[in-house]
Each structure stands twice: as C-alpha cells, then as structure tokens.
Amino acid sequence: MADFGGGDLDALRTEAKEWIAANFPASLKGRPNPMMREERSTPSPEQEAWRKAMGEKGWGVPTWPKAYGGGGLSGAEARVIQQELGRAGAYNPIGGMGVMMFGPTLLE
C-alpha cells in the first residue's frame, strides 16, 4: 500500500475507490453484512473472497497496526475507507465483538 504520510486523504480515497471497485463482488452490493446476523450461515464463495481480500489489504481492521494484520491507518484514513465502502454499497466483512473489544489500536 502507498504511504499516505497521514495527510494525503485524497490519494487514499482514490486508491480505496479503485480497490473496492476491483475487489468487491457485485453480487454482494447493498446486502447486509452476514457477520451481523444472529443466525450463522455458511459464507458464499463471494463473501469468503471479499473477507479474504479485505483481510489481506488490512482494511478489515484499518487502525490496527500492520504487525497485527491491520492497515496501520489513522482514524481519519479509516473513515475514508468506511466512507468509500458505503458509497460502493459494500460492507466490512471483518468485525464482531473480538475486533471491537480486544483488538489493538493506534493511538493518535
């Protein structure tokens, strides 16, 4: 991933738009995140591919340090990713109680 130096949000926004367009399966557009449902179902191949792509990019947990599988992004950069996911009708497939309560974060 490019080094945005913490300040080039426009470059990050452009990268995010392009990356989401290239990686988010169109069949999932506008559908809810299956992780947020009470009943669990087996992920479809498209859901699994999307989860894997977001995980490899580090954007599933964008503010976690890269050493822990995150994106190493600032809060402002993470907001850009979330905004672009929303504009694309996409969702973050990585989440849940463990991510929100026990994962590492970067201090700003």
N, C-alpha and C. Protein backbone atom coordinates (compact mmCIF):
# COMPACT_ATOMS: atom_id res chain seq x y z
N MET A 1 0.85 -1.17 0.00
CA MET A 1 0.00 0.00 0.00
C MET A 1 0.89 1.23 0.00
N ALA A 2 0.42 2.26 -0.64
CA ALA A 2 1.17 3.50 -0.71
C ALA A 2 1.29 4.14 0.66
N ASP A 3 2.33 4.94 0.84
CA ASP A 3 2.50 5.68 2.09
C ASP A 3 1.81 7.02 1.92
N PHE A 4 0.74 7.24 2.66
CA PHE A 4 -0.03 8.46 2.54
C PHE A 4 0.46 9.54 3.50
N GLY A 5 1.47 9.24 4.30
CA GLY A 5 2.06 10.22 5.18
C GLY A 5 1.09 10.83 6.18
N GLY A 6 -0.05 10.19 6.37
CA GLY A 6 -1.01 10.67 7.34
C GLY A 6 -1.81 11.87 6.88
N GLY A 7 -1.50 12.42 5.69
CA GLY A 7 -2.20 13.63 5.31
C GLY A 7 -2.82 13.62 3.92
N ASP A 8 -2.45 12.70 3.08
CA ASP A 8 -2.95 12.71 1.71
C ASP A 8 -4.21 11.86 1.59
N LEU A 9 -5.30 12.38 2.13
CA LEU A 9 -6.55 11.62 2.14
C LEU A 9 -7.15 11.48 0.74
N ASP A 10 -6.89 12.45 -0.13
CA ASP A 10 -7.43 12.36 -1.49
C ASP A 10 -6.83 11.18 -2.24
N ALA A 11 -5.52 10.96 -2.06
CA ALA A 11 -4.86 9.82 -2.71
C ALA A 11 -5.41 8.51 -2.16
N LEU A 12 -5.61 8.46 -0.84
CA LEU A 12 -6.17 7.26 -0.23
C LEU A 12 -7.59 7.02 -0.74
N ARG A 13 -8.39 8.08 -0.85
CA ARG A 13 -9.76 7.95 -1.34
C ARG A 13 -9.77 7.38 -2.75
N THR A 14 -8.88 7.87 -3.59
CA THR A 14 -8.79 7.36 -4.96
C THR A 14 -8.40 5.89 -4.97
N GLU A 15 -7.40 5.53 -4.16
CA GLU A 15 -6.99 4.13 -4.08
C GLU A 15 -8.14 3.26 -3.58
N ALA A 16 -8.84 3.73 -2.55
CA ALA A 16 -9.94 2.96 -1.98
C ALA A 16 -11.04 2.72 -3.01
N LYS A 17 -11.44 3.77 -3.72
CA LYS A 17 -12.48 3.63 -4.75
C LYS A 17 -12.08 2.57 -5.78
N GLU A 18 -10.85 2.68 -6.26
CA GLU A 18 -10.38 1.75 -7.30
C GLU A 18 -10.27 0.33 -6.76
N TRP A 19 -9.74 0.19 -5.55
CA TRP A 19 -9.56 -1.14 -4.97
C TRP A 19 -10.90 -1.80 -4.69
N ILE A 20 -11.84 -1.06 -4.14
CA ILE A 20 -13.17 -1.61 -3.86
C ILE A 20 -13.85 -2.02 -5.17
N ALA A 21 -13.76 -1.17 -6.19
CA ALA A 21 -14.36 -1.50 -7.49
C ALA A 21 -13.78 -2.78 -8.07
N ALA A 22 -12.49 -3.00 -7.85
CA ALA A 22 -11.82 -4.18 -8.40
C ALA A 22 -12.02 -5.44 -7.56
N ASN A 23 -12.34 -5.29 -6.27
CA ASN A 23 -12.36 -6.45 -5.37
C ASN A 23 -13.70 -6.80 -4.76
N PHE A 24 -14.62 -5.84 -4.67
CA PHE A 24 -15.91 -6.13 -4.04
C PHE A 24 -16.83 -6.82 -5.03
N PRO A 25 -17.31 -8.03 -4.73
CA PRO A 25 -18.20 -8.75 -5.65
C PRO A 25 -19.52 -7.99 -5.86
N ALA A 26 -19.86 -7.74 -7.10
CA ALA A 26 -21.09 -7.01 -7.42
C ALA A 26 -22.33 -7.70 -6.85
N SER A 27 -22.28 -9.01 -6.72
CA SER A 27 -23.43 -9.75 -6.21
C SER A 27 -23.73 -9.44 -4.74
N LEU A 28 -22.78 -8.83 -4.04
CA LEU A 28 -22.97 -8.51 -2.63
C LEU A 28 -23.40 -7.06 -2.41
N LYS A 29 -23.43 -6.27 -3.47
CA LYS A 29 -23.74 -4.85 -3.34
C LYS A 29 -25.09 -4.63 -2.66
N GLY A 30 -25.07 -3.80 -1.63
CA GLY A 30 -26.29 -3.45 -0.91
C GLY A 30 -26.80 -4.51 0.05
N ARG A 31 -26.15 -5.64 0.10
CA ARG A 31 -26.59 -6.70 1.02
C ARG A 31 -25.98 -6.47 2.39
N PRO A 32 -26.67 -6.88 3.45
CA PRO A 32 -26.13 -6.67 4.80
C PRO A 32 -24.94 -7.60 5.08
N ASN A 33 -24.14 -7.19 6.01
CA ASN A 33 -23.00 -7.98 6.44
C ASN A 33 -23.52 -9.23 7.16
N PRO A 34 -23.22 -10.42 6.65
CA PRO A 34 -23.71 -11.64 7.31
C PRO A 34 -23.14 -11.84 8.72
N MET A 35 -22.03 -11.18 9.05
CA MET A 35 -21.46 -11.28 10.40
C MET A 35 -22.37 -10.65 11.44
N MET A 36 -23.24 -9.76 11.02
CA MET A 36 -24.09 -9.04 11.96
C MET A 36 -25.44 -9.72 12.19
N ARG A 37 -25.61 -10.90 11.63
CA ARG A 37 -26.87 -11.63 11.81
C ARG A 37 -26.74 -12.58 12.99
N GLU A 38 -27.84 -12.78 13.67
CA GLU A 38 -27.82 -13.71 14.81
C GLU A 38 -27.60 -15.14 14.37
N GLU A 39 -28.30 -15.54 13.33
CA GLU A 39 -28.12 -16.91 12.83
C GLU A 39 -26.92 -16.92 11.89
N ARG A 40 -26.11 -17.91 12.04
CA ARG A 40 -24.91 -18.03 11.19
C ARG A 40 -25.20 -18.96 10.03
N SER A 41 -24.70 -18.58 8.89
CA SER A 41 -24.83 -19.44 7.72
C SER A 41 -23.44 -19.60 7.11
N THR A 42 -23.30 -20.57 6.28
CA THR A 42 -22.03 -20.79 5.60
C THR A 42 -21.82 -19.67 4.59
N PRO A 43 -20.66 -19.00 4.64
CA PRO A 43 -20.42 -17.90 3.68
C PRO A 43 -20.42 -18.42 2.25
N SER A 44 -20.94 -17.60 1.35
CA SER A 44 -20.89 -17.93 -0.07
C SER A 44 -19.45 -17.74 -0.55
N PRO A 45 -19.10 -18.28 -1.69
CA PRO A 45 -17.74 -18.06 -2.22
C PRO A 45 -17.43 -16.57 -2.39
N GLU A 46 -18.43 -15.77 -2.77
CA GLU A 46 -18.22 -14.34 -2.94
C GLU A 46 -17.95 -13.67 -1.59
N GLN A 47 -18.71 -14.05 -0.57
CA GLN A 47 -18.49 -13.49 0.76
C GLN A 47 -17.10 -13.86 1.28
N GLU A 48 -16.71 -15.09 1.06
CA GLU A 48 -15.40 -15.54 1.53
C GLU A 48 -14.27 -14.82 0.78
N ALA A 49 -14.43 -14.63 -0.52
CA ALA A 49 -13.42 -13.90 -1.31
C ALA A 49 -13.30 -12.46 -0.83
N TRP A 50 -14.44 -11.83 -0.53
CA TRP A 50 -14.43 -10.45 -0.05
C TRP A 50 -13.75 -10.37 1.33
N ARG A 51 -14.06 -11.30 2.21
CA ARG A 51 -13.43 -11.31 3.53
C ARG A 51 -11.92 -11.46 3.41
N LYS A 52 -11.50 -12.37 2.55
CA LYS A 52 -10.07 -12.61 2.36
C LYS A 52 -9.37 -11.38 1.77
N ALA A 53 -9.99 -10.75 0.79
CA ALA A 53 -9.39 -9.57 0.17
C ALA A 53 -9.24 -8.43 1.18
N MET A 54 -10.29 -8.18 1.97
CA MET A 54 -10.21 -7.12 2.97
C MET A 54 -9.17 -7.44 4.03
N GLY A 55 -9.09 -8.69 4.42
CA GLY A 55 -8.09 -9.10 5.40
C GLY A 55 -6.68 -8.92 4.89
N GLU A 56 -6.44 -9.34 3.66
CA GLU A 56 -5.10 -9.21 3.08
C GLU A 56 -4.70 -7.75 2.91
N LYS A 57 -5.67 -6.90 2.61
CA LYS A 57 -5.40 -5.47 2.44
C LYS A 57 -5.15 -4.80 3.79
N GLY A 58 -5.68 -5.38 4.86
CA GLY A 58 -5.56 -4.78 6.19
C GLY A 58 -6.69 -3.82 6.50
N TRP A 59 -7.63 -3.68 5.59
CA TRP A 59 -8.70 -2.71 5.76
C TRP A 59 -9.88 -3.27 6.54
N GLY A 60 -9.87 -4.53 6.87
CA GLY A 60 -10.91 -5.09 7.72
C GLY A 60 -10.80 -4.53 9.14
N VAL A 61 -9.58 -4.27 9.54
CA VAL A 61 -9.28 -3.64 10.83
C VAL A 61 -8.26 -2.53 10.54
N PRO A 62 -8.72 -1.45 9.93
CA PRO A 62 -7.80 -0.47 9.37
C PRO A 62 -6.91 0.25 10.37
N THR A 63 -7.33 0.41 11.61
CA THR A 63 -6.48 1.13 12.58
C THR A 63 -5.58 0.22 13.39
N TRP A 64 -5.71 -1.08 13.21
CA TRP A 64 -4.78 -2.00 13.89
C TRP A 64 -3.40 -1.82 13.26
N PRO A 65 -2.36 -2.00 14.04
CA PRO A 65 -1.01 -1.97 13.46
C PRO A 65 -0.83 -3.08 12.42
N LYS A 66 -0.01 -2.80 11.44
CA LYS A 66 0.25 -3.79 10.38
C LYS A 66 0.80 -5.09 10.95
N ALA A 67 1.56 -4.99 12.02
CA ALA A 67 2.14 -6.19 12.64
C ALA A 67 1.06 -7.15 13.14
N TYR A 68 -0.15 -6.65 13.36
CA TYR A 68 -1.25 -7.48 13.84
C TYR A 68 -2.30 -7.73 12.76
N GLY A 69 -1.94 -7.48 11.50
CA GLY A 69 -2.85 -7.76 10.40
C GLY A 69 -3.74 -6.61 10.00
N GLY A 70 -3.52 -5.45 10.59
CA GLY A 70 -4.33 -4.28 10.26
C GLY A 70 -3.73 -3.45 9.15
N GLY A 71 -4.35 -2.31 8.93
CA GLY A 71 -3.90 -1.41 7.89
C GLY A 71 -2.90 -0.37 8.37
N GLY A 72 -2.79 -0.19 9.69
CA GLY A 72 -1.88 0.83 10.22
C GLY A 72 -2.32 2.24 9.89
N LEU A 73 -3.61 2.42 9.66
CA LEU A 73 -4.13 3.72 9.25
C LEU A 73 -4.52 4.58 10.45
N SER A 74 -4.54 5.86 10.23
CA SER A 74 -5.03 6.80 11.25
C SER A 74 -6.56 6.73 11.28
N GLY A 75 -7.14 7.35 12.27
CA GLY A 75 -8.60 7.41 12.35
C GLY A 75 -9.20 8.10 11.14
N ALA A 76 -8.57 9.19 10.68
CA ALA A 76 -9.07 9.91 9.51
C ALA A 76 -9.00 9.03 8.27
N GLU A 77 -7.91 8.29 8.13
CA GLU A 77 -7.77 7.40 6.98
C GLU A 77 -8.80 6.27 7.03
N ALA A 78 -9.03 5.73 8.23
CA ALA A 78 -10.02 4.67 8.38
C ALA A 78 -11.42 5.17 8.02
N ARG A 79 -11.72 6.42 8.35
CA ARG A 79 -13.02 6.99 7.98
C ARG A 79 -13.17 7.07 6.47
N VAL A 80 -12.09 7.39 5.77
CA VAL A 80 -12.13 7.44 4.30
C VAL A 80 -12.49 6.06 3.76
N ILE A 81 -11.87 5.02 4.29
CA ILE A 81 -12.17 3.65 3.84
C ILE A 81 -13.64 3.34 4.08
N GLN A 82 -14.15 3.66 5.27
CA GLN A 82 -15.54 3.39 5.60
C GLN A 82 -16.48 4.17 4.69
N GLN A 83 -16.16 5.41 4.41
CA GLN A 83 -16.99 6.22 3.51
C GLN A 83 -17.05 5.61 2.12
N GLU A 84 -15.91 5.17 1.63
CA GLU A 84 -15.88 4.60 0.28
C GLU A 84 -16.57 3.25 0.22
N LEU A 85 -16.47 2.46 1.28
CA LEU A 85 -17.24 1.21 1.33
C LEU A 85 -18.73 1.53 1.24
N GLY A 86 -19.17 2.53 2.00
CA GLY A 86 -20.58 2.91 1.98
C GLY A 86 -21.02 3.40 0.61
N ARG A 87 -20.21 4.21 -0.04
CA ARG A 87 -20.56 4.72 -1.38
C ARG A 87 -20.69 3.59 -2.39
N ALA A 88 -19.90 2.54 -2.19
CA ALA A 88 -19.92 1.41 -3.13
C ALA A 88 -20.99 0.38 -2.79
N GLY A 89 -21.73 0.60 -1.69
CA GLY A 89 -22.72 -0.39 -1.27
C GLY A 89 -22.06 -1.63 -0.69
N ALA A 90 -20.83 -1.47 -0.20
CA ALA A 90 -20.05 -2.58 0.35
C ALA A 90 -20.09 -2.53 1.87
N TYR A 91 -19.64 -3.61 2.49
CA TYR A 91 -19.57 -3.68 3.94
C TYR A 91 -18.21 -4.24 4.34
N ASN A 92 -17.85 -3.97 5.58
CA ASN A 92 -16.62 -4.53 6.13
C ASN A 92 -16.95 -5.94 6.63
N PRO A 93 -16.38 -6.97 6.03
CA PRO A 93 -16.72 -8.34 6.43
C PRO A 93 -15.98 -8.84 7.65
N ILE A 94 -15.12 -8.02 8.21
CA ILE A 94 -14.34 -8.43 9.37
C ILE A 94 -14.80 -7.59 10.55
N GLY A 95 -15.29 -8.25 11.57
CA GLY A 95 -15.78 -7.47 12.70
C GLY A 95 -16.26 -8.37 13.80
N GLY A 96 -17.09 -7.82 14.63
CA GLY A 96 -17.63 -8.58 15.73
C GLY A 96 -17.05 -8.13 17.06
N MET A 97 -17.45 -8.82 18.09
CA MET A 97 -17.09 -8.47 19.45
C MET A 97 -15.58 -8.46 19.67
N GLY A 98 -14.88 -9.46 19.16
CA GLY A 98 -13.44 -9.53 19.37
C GLY A 98 -12.70 -8.37 18.78
N VAL A 99 -13.07 -7.97 17.59
CA VAL A 99 -12.41 -6.86 16.92
C VAL A 99 -12.66 -5.57 17.70
N MET A 100 -13.88 -5.36 18.12
CA MET A 100 -14.22 -4.11 18.78
C MET A 100 -13.70 -4.03 20.22
N MET A 101 -13.62 -5.13 20.91
CA MET A 101 -13.26 -5.06 22.33
C MET A 101 -11.82 -5.44 22.64
N PHE A 102 -11.22 -6.29 21.83
CA PHE A 102 -9.93 -6.83 22.24
C PHE A 102 -8.79 -6.55 21.29
N GLY A 103 -9.05 -5.98 20.15
CA GLY A 103 -8.00 -5.73 19.17
C GLY A 103 -7.15 -4.53 19.51
N PRO A 104 -5.93 -4.50 18.99
CA PRO A 104 -5.05 -3.36 19.22
C PRO A 104 -5.49 -2.17 18.37
N THR A 105 -5.12 -0.99 18.80
CA THR A 105 -5.38 0.22 18.02
C THR A 105 -4.15 1.11 18.06
N LEU A 106 -4.09 2.01 17.13
CA LEU A 106 -3.04 3.01 17.13
C LEU A 106 -3.53 4.21 17.92
N LEU A 107 -2.67 4.79 18.70
CA LEU A 107 -3.03 5.99 19.44
C LEU A 107 -2.71 7.19 18.58
N GLU A 108 -3.65 8.09 18.49
CA GLU A 108 -3.39 9.32 17.71
C GLU A 108 -3.05 10.45 18.62
